[in-house]
């Protein structure tokens, strides 16, 4: 018998966290003029659009938003048996001398972020690259730390952390399924944020 799913954040808590992250980004960067947001597909891109909308409402400045698929930049791409499903990367603005905010849903091992950093520098050299995540669950394998965090969520390595966003999943929530032995049995189409 599996343990029950524990809901950590509902839509209200997620919106508060994203609003706080937007305020922290503005404070740290002295406003919105020098920043650009790049979201890691799929849910990181959706969260990046939400943060950008909050910043635009606060500052009345249009924020450049990009999205990226890091599949081919992962350090384990050649060790997996299945071919990665390649999505698109759209960074249609110069990153040179910009403060780029990389947005993802969950920070776990750090391998997704490392791959994203490699891809960003292929587009040019930003002034800074900062990291915003909705959930930091620990268990880093690389020396990577988020600059902006919605929630720090202590987990076991075996826990399944699921971020659902209304735009894709029909609801906004973060949940944890403890001790899931088969990580591929996540309910619905929700992606496990801990699978970096």
C-alpha atoms as a PDB file:
ATOM      1  CA  UNK A   1       0.000   0.000   0.000  1.00  0.00           C
ATOM      2  CA  UNK A   2       1.459   3.348  -1.015  1.00  0.00           C
ATOM      3  CA  UNK A   3       1.720   6.262   1.374  1.00  0.00           C
ATOM      4  CA  UNK A   4      -0.653   9.193   0.753  1.00  0.00           C
ATOM      5  CA  UNK A   5       0.323  12.194  -1.320  1.00  0.00           C
ATOM      6  CA  UNK A   6       1.161  15.190   0.855  1.00  0.00           C
ATOM      7  CA  UNK A   7       0.191  18.543  -0.665  1.00  0.00           C
ATOM      8  CA  UNK A   8       2.888  21.071   0.233  1.00  0.00           C
ATOM      9  CA  UNK A   9       1.671  24.090  -1.761  1.00  0.00           C
ATOM     10  CA  UNK A  10      -1.743  24.905  -3.189  1.00  0.00           C
ATOM     11  CA  UNK A  11      -2.515  27.628  -5.748  1.00  0.00           C
ATOM     12  CA  UNK A  12      -2.557  30.401  -3.129  1.00  0.00           C
ATOM     13  CA  UNK A  13       0.828  29.418  -1.681  1.00  0.00           C
ATOM     14  CA  UNK A  14       2.323  29.044  -5.166  1.00  0.00           C
ATOM     15  CA  UNK A  15       1.125  32.517  -6.185  1.00  0.00           C
ATOM     16  CA  UNK A  16       2.545  34.025  -2.994  1.00  0.00           C
ATOM     17  CA  UNK A  17       5.891  32.312  -3.583  1.00  0.00           C
ATOM     18  CA  UNK A  18       6.102  33.496  -7.195  1.00  0.00           C
ATOM     19  CA  UNK A  19       5.173  37.049  -6.167  1.00  0.00           C
ATOM     20  CA  UNK A  20       7.879  37.014  -3.488  1.00  0.00           C
ATOM     21  CA  UNK A  21      10.428  35.692  -5.999  1.00  0.00           C
ATOM     22  CA  UNK A  22       9.485  38.489  -8.433  1.00  0.00           C
ATOM     23  CA  UNK A  23       9.980  41.127  -5.718  1.00  0.00           C
ATOM     24  CA  UNK A  24      13.344  39.618  -4.725  1.00  0.00           C
ATOM     25  CA  UNK A  25      14.512  39.605  -8.361  1.00  0.00           C
ATOM     26  CA  UNK A  26      13.599  43.272  -8.724  1.00  0.00           C
ATOM     27  CA  UNK A  27      15.283  44.237  -5.473  1.00  0.00           C
ATOM     28  CA  UNK A  28      18.468  42.310  -6.237  1.00  0.00           C
ATOM     29  CA  UNK A  29      18.766  43.693  -9.789  1.00  0.00           C
ATOM     30  CA  UNK A  30      17.697  47.283  -9.108  1.00  0.00           C
ATOM     31  CA  UNK A  31      14.552  46.969 -11.222  1.00  0.00           C
ATOM     32  CA  UNK A  32      13.576  45.156 -14.394  1.00  0.00           C
ATOM     33  CA  UNK A  33      15.501  46.947 -17.140  1.00  0.00           C
ATOM     34  CA  UNK A  34      18.561  44.667 -17.203  1.00  0.00           C
ATOM     35  CA  UNK A  35      16.860  41.308 -16.618  1.00  0.00           C
ATOM     36  CA  UNK A  36      15.665  38.514 -18.863  1.00  0.00           C
ATOM     37  CA  UNK A  37      13.988  35.300 -17.738  1.00  0.00           C
ATOM     38  CA  UNK A  38      14.670  31.874 -19.256  1.00  0.00           C
ATOM     39  CA  UNK A  39      12.492  28.971 -18.175  1.00  0.00           C
ATOM     40  CA  UNK A  40      13.490  25.315 -18.406  1.00  0.00           C
ATOM     41  CA  UNK A  41      10.804  23.371 -20.266  1.00  0.00           C
ATOM     42  CA  UNK A  42       8.155  22.513 -19.376  1.00  0.00           C
ATOM     43  CA  UNK A  43       7.042  23.792 -15.995  1.00  0.00           C
ATOM     44  CA  UNK A  44      10.013  26.125 -15.503  1.00  0.00           C
ATOM     45  CA  UNK A  45       8.981  27.975 -18.673  1.00  0.00           C
ATOM     46  CA  UNK A  46       5.419  28.347 -17.378  1.00  0.00           C
ATOM     47  CA  UNK A  47       6.706  29.649 -14.029  1.00  0.00           C
ATOM     48  CA  UNK A  48       9.034  32.080 -15.844  1.00  0.00           C
ATOM     49  CA  UNK A  49       6.059  33.533 -17.730  1.00  0.00           C
ATOM     50  CA  UNK A  50       4.164  33.972 -14.465  1.00  0.00           C
ATOM     51  CA  UNK A  51       7.092  35.695 -12.750  1.00  0.00           C
ATOM     52  CA  UNK A  52       7.557  37.950 -15.794  1.00  0.00           C
ATOM     53  CA  UNK A  53       3.861  38.921 -15.695  1.00  0.00           C
ATOM     54  CA  UNK A  54       4.175  39.872 -12.020  1.00  0.00           C
ATOM     55  CA  UNK A  55       7.313  41.932 -12.727  1.00  0.00           C
ATOM     56  CA  UNK A  56       5.641  43.662 -15.678  1.00  0.00           C
ATOM     57  CA  UNK A  57       2.636  44.551 -13.515  1.00  0.00           C
ATOM     58  CA  UNK A  58       4.881  45.940 -10.764  1.00  0.00           C
ATOM     59  CA  UNK A  59       7.409  47.794 -12.935  1.00  0.00           C
ATOM     60  CA  UNK A  60       5.417  48.545 -16.120  1.00  0.00           C
ATOM     61  CA  UNK A  61       8.397  47.200 -18.096  1.00  0.00           C
ATOM     62  CA  UNK A  62       8.202  44.400 -20.678  1.00  0.00           C
ATOM     63  CA  UNK A  63      10.540  41.574 -19.623  1.00  0.00           C
ATOM     64  CA  UNK A  64      12.224  39.347 -22.206  1.00  0.00           C
ATOM     65  CA  UNK A  65      11.274  35.700 -21.706  1.00  0.00           C
ATOM     66  CA  UNK A  66      12.971  32.682 -23.240  1.00  0.00           C
ATOM     67  CA  UNK A  67      12.502  28.971 -22.888  1.00  0.00           C
ATOM     68  CA  UNK A  68      14.933  26.117 -23.224  1.00  0.00           C
ATOM     69  CA  UNK A  69      15.037  22.384 -23.616  1.00  0.00           C
ATOM     70  CA  UNK A  70      18.199  21.081 -21.969  1.00  0.00           C
ATOM     71  CA  UNK A  71      17.855  17.463 -23.144  1.00  0.00           C
ATOM     72  CA  UNK A  72      20.959  17.424 -25.362  1.00  0.00           C
ATOM     73  CA  UNK A  73      23.044  19.290 -22.765  1.00  0.00           C
ATOM     74  CA  UNK A  74      22.489  16.763 -19.967  1.00  0.00           C
ATOM     75  CA  UNK A  75      25.567  14.851 -18.867  1.00  0.00           C
ATOM     76  CA  UNK A  76      23.577  11.610 -18.881  1.00  0.00           C
ATOM     77  CA  UNK A  77      22.060  11.942 -22.373  1.00  0.00           C
ATOM     78  CA  UNK A  78      24.340   9.256 -23.833  1.00  0.00           C
ATOM     79  CA  UNK A  79      23.925   6.821 -20.941  1.00  0.00           C
ATOM     80  CA  UNK A  80      20.142   6.523 -21.246  1.00  0.00           C
ATOM     81  CA  UNK A  81      18.683   3.827 -23.457  1.00  0.00           C
ATOM     82  CA  UNK A  82      15.795   5.905 -24.781  1.00  0.00           C
ATOM     83  CA  UNK A  83      16.395   8.749 -27.194  1.00  0.00           C
ATOM     84  CA  UNK A  84      15.515  12.084 -25.564  1.00  0.00           C
ATOM     85  CA  UNK A  85      12.396  13.841 -26.805  1.00  0.00           C
ATOM     86  CA  UNK A  86      13.743  17.133 -28.111  1.00  0.00           C
ATOM     87  CA  UNK A  87      11.613  20.221 -27.670  1.00  0.00           C
ATOM     88  CA  UNK A  88      12.405  23.741 -28.759  1.00  0.00           C
ATOM     89  CA  UNK A  89      14.669  26.380 -27.312  1.00  0.00           C
ATOM     90  CA  UNK A  90      13.540  29.952 -27.906  1.00  0.00           C
ATOM     91  CA  UNK A  91      15.901  32.647 -26.718  1.00  0.00           C
ATOM     92  CA  UNK A  92      15.067  35.436 -29.144  1.00  0.00           C
ATOM     93  CA  UNK A  93      16.939  38.244 -27.431  1.00  0.00           C
ATOM     94  CA  UNK A  94      20.615  38.945 -26.754  1.00  0.00           C
ATOM     95  CA  UNK A  95      21.859  37.571 -23.431  1.00  0.00           C
ATOM     96  CA  UNK A  96      25.155  39.459 -23.573  1.00  0.00           C
ATOM     97  CA  UNK A  97      25.524  41.844 -20.624  1.00  0.00           C
ATOM     98  CA  UNK A  98      22.073  40.931 -19.266  1.00  0.00           C
ATOM     99  CA  UNK A  99      21.121  39.637 -15.849  1.00  0.00           C
ATOM    100  CA  UNK A 100      19.598  36.319 -16.869  1.00  0.00           C
ATOM    101  CA  UNK A 101      17.252  34.655 -14.404  1.00  0.00           C
ATOM    102  CA  UNK A 102      17.078  30.914 -15.054  1.00  0.00           C
ATOM    103  CA  UNK A 103      13.745  29.520 -13.812  1.00  0.00           C
ATOM    104  CA  UNK A 104      12.953  25.883 -13.012  1.00  0.00           C
ATOM    105  CA  UNK A 105      10.312  24.174 -10.934  1.00  0.00           C
ATOM    106  CA  UNK A 106      12.467  21.946  -8.692  1.00  0.00           C
ATOM    107  CA  UNK A 107      16.141  22.002  -7.752  1.00  0.00           C
ATOM    108  CA  UNK A 108      17.376  18.535  -6.790  1.00  0.00           C
ATOM    109  CA  UNK A 109      20.778  17.207  -7.880  1.00  0.00           C
ATOM    110  CA  UNK A 110      21.758  20.319  -9.856  1.00  0.00           C
ATOM    111  CA  UNK A 111      22.317  18.456 -13.129  1.00  0.00           C
ATOM    112  CA  UNK A 112      19.464  20.203 -14.963  1.00  0.00           C
ATOM    113  CA  UNK A 113      20.847  23.583 -13.931  1.00  0.00           C
ATOM    114  CA  UNK A 114      24.363  22.629 -15.041  1.00  0.00           C
ATOM    115  CA  UNK A 115      22.993  21.670 -18.450  1.00  0.00           C
ATOM    116  CA  UNK A 116      21.022  24.922 -18.665  1.00  0.00           C
ATOM    117  CA  UNK A 117      24.132  26.977 -17.821  1.00  0.00           C
ATOM    118  CA  UNK A 118      26.038  25.270 -20.647  1.00  0.00           C
ATOM    119  CA  UNK A 119      23.255  26.087 -23.068  1.00  0.00           C
ATOM    120  CA  UNK A 120      22.874  29.730 -21.996  1.00  0.00           C
ATOM    121  CA  UNK A 121      26.554  30.495 -22.576  1.00  0.00           C
ATOM    122  CA  UNK A 122      26.207  29.112 -26.104  1.00  0.00           C
ATOM    123  CA  UNK A 123      23.999  32.176 -26.716  1.00  0.00           C
ATOM    124  CA  UNK A 124      26.561  34.632 -25.324  1.00  0.00           C
ATOM    125  CA  UNK A 125      28.012  35.801 -22.039  1.00  0.00           C
ATOM    126  CA  UNK A 126      25.448  37.322 -19.661  1.00  0.00           C
ATOM    127  CA  UNK A 127      26.494  39.791 -16.967  1.00  0.00           C
ATOM    128  CA  UNK A 128      25.088  37.340 -14.402  1.00  0.00           C
ATOM    129  CA  UNK A 129      23.087  34.137 -14.395  1.00  0.00           C
ATOM    130  CA  UNK A 130      20.816  33.814 -11.379  1.00  0.00           C
ATOM    131  CA  UNK A 131      18.642  30.846 -10.468  1.00  0.00           C
ATOM    132  CA  UNK A 132      15.000  30.932  -9.355  1.00  0.00           C
ATOM    133  CA  UNK A 133      13.214  27.718  -8.348  1.00  0.00           C
ATOM    134  CA  UNK A 134       9.816  27.056  -6.870  1.00  0.00           C
ATOM    135  CA  UNK A 135      11.085  24.113  -4.782  1.00  0.00           C
ATOM    136  CA  UNK A 136      14.588  23.403  -3.467  1.00  0.00           C
ATOM    137  CA  UNK A 137      14.549  19.834  -2.187  1.00  0.00           C
ATOM    138  CA  UNK A 138      18.252  19.403  -1.403  1.00  0.00           C
ATOM    139  CA  UNK A 139      20.410  16.365  -2.297  1.00  0.00           C
ATOM    140  CA  UNK A 140      22.781  18.305  -4.570  1.00  0.00           C
ATOM    141  CA  UNK A 141      25.393  16.392  -6.548  1.00  0.00           C
ATOM    142  CA  UNK A 142      26.945  19.586  -7.931  1.00  0.00           C
ATOM    143  CA  UNK A 143      27.885  22.865  -6.206  1.00  0.00           C
ATOM    144  CA  UNK A 144      24.761  24.748  -7.316  1.00  0.00           C
ATOM    145  CA  UNK A 145      22.619  27.016  -5.136  1.00  0.00           C
ATOM    146  CA  UNK A 146      19.429  28.902  -6.012  1.00  0.00           C
ATOM    147  CA  UNK A 147      19.317  32.688  -5.623  1.00  0.00           C
ATOM    148  CA  UNK A 148      15.522  32.750  -5.288  1.00  0.00           C
ATOM    149  CA  UNK A 149      13.512  29.918  -3.721  1.00  0.00           C
ATOM    150  CA  UNK A 150       9.766  29.559  -3.278  1.00  0.00           C
ATOM    151  CA  UNK A 151      10.085  26.837  -0.637  1.00  0.00           C
ATOM    152  CA  UNK A 152      12.911  24.768   0.848  1.00  0.00           C
ATOM    153  CA  UNK A 153      11.511  21.261   1.135  1.00  0.00           C
ATOM    154  CA  UNK A 154      13.601  18.678   2.976  1.00  0.00           C
ATOM    155  CA  UNK A 155      13.032  15.314   1.302  1.00  0.00           C
ATOM    156  CA  UNK A 156      14.462  11.851   1.106  1.00  0.00           C
ATOM    157  CA  UNK A 157      16.196  11.012  -2.154  1.00  0.00           C
ATOM    158  CA  UNK A 158      13.519   8.430  -2.883  1.00  0.00           C
ATOM    159  CA  UNK A 159      10.651  10.910  -2.504  1.00  0.00           C
ATOM    160  CA  UNK A 160       8.731  11.943  -5.593  1.00  0.00           C
ATOM    161  CA  UNK A 161       8.204  15.717  -5.739  1.00  0.00           C
ATOM    162  CA  UNK A 162       5.504  16.703  -8.223  1.00  0.00           C
ATOM    163  CA  UNK A 163       4.884  20.268  -9.373  1.00  0.00           C
ATOM    164  CA  UNK A 164       1.615  20.796 -11.193  1.00  0.00           C
ATOM    165  CA  UNK A 165       0.755  24.043 -12.962  1.00  0.00           C
ATOM    166  CA  UNK A 166      -2.693  25.040 -14.111  1.00  0.00           C
ATOM    167  CA  UNK A 167      -1.574  25.828 -17.679  1.00  0.00           C
ATOM    168  CA  UNK A 168      -0.481  22.211 -18.194  1.00  0.00           C
ATOM    169  CA  UNK A 169      -2.067  20.089 -15.471  1.00  0.00           C
ATOM    170  CA  UNK A 170      -5.323  21.902 -14.676  1.00  0.00           C
ATOM    171  CA  UNK A 171      -4.275  22.744 -11.122  1.00  0.00           C
ATOM    172  CA  UNK A 172      -1.530  24.538  -9.212  1.00  0.00           C
ATOM    173  CA  UNK A 173       0.078  22.497  -6.469  1.00  0.00           C
ATOM    174  CA  UNK A 174       3.268  20.938  -5.169  1.00  0.00           C
ATOM    175  CA  UNK A 175       3.023  17.501  -3.616  1.00  0.00           C
ATOM    176  CA  UNK A 176       5.296  14.779  -2.254  1.00  0.00           C
ATOM    177  CA  UNK A 177       4.811  11.041  -2.586  1.00  0.00           C
ATOM    178  CA  UNK A 178       7.197   9.394  -0.091  1.00  0.00           C
ATOM    179  CA  UNK A 179       9.105   6.214  -0.869  1.00  0.00           C
ATOM    180  CA  UNK A 180       7.836   5.664  -4.383  1.00  0.00           C
ATOM    181  CA  UNK A 181       9.827   2.685  -5.624  1.00  0.00           C
ATOM    182  CA  UNK A 182       8.983   3.189  -9.295  1.00  0.00           C
ATOM    183  CA  UNK A 183       9.431   6.874 -10.081  1.00  0.00           C
ATOM    184  CA  UNK A 184       7.792   6.444 -13.497  1.00  0.00           C
ATOM    185  CA  UNK A 185       4.335   5.788 -12.040  1.00  0.00           C
ATOM    186  CA  UNK A 186       3.535   9.429 -11.292  1.00  0.00           C
ATOM    187  CA  UNK A 187      -0.151  10.132 -11.628  1.00  0.00           C
ATOM    188  CA  UNK A 188      -1.277  11.869 -14.811  1.00  0.00           C
ATOM    189  CA  UNK A 189       1.163  13.808 -16.890  1.00  0.00           C
ATOM    190  CA  UNK A 190       2.761  15.602 -13.944  1.00  0.00           C
ATOM    191  CA  UNK A 191       6.530  15.619 -14.266  1.00  0.00           C
ATOM    192  CA  UNK A 192       8.592  14.704 -11.273  1.00  0.00           C
ATOM    193  CA  UNK A 193      10.665  17.704 -10.372  1.00  0.00           C
ATOM    194  CA  UNK A 194      13.223  15.552  -8.609  1.00  0.00           C
ATOM    195  CA  UNK A 195      14.412  13.765 -11.741  1.00  0.00           C
ATOM    196  CA  UNK A 196      17.289  16.062 -12.586  1.00  0.00           C
END
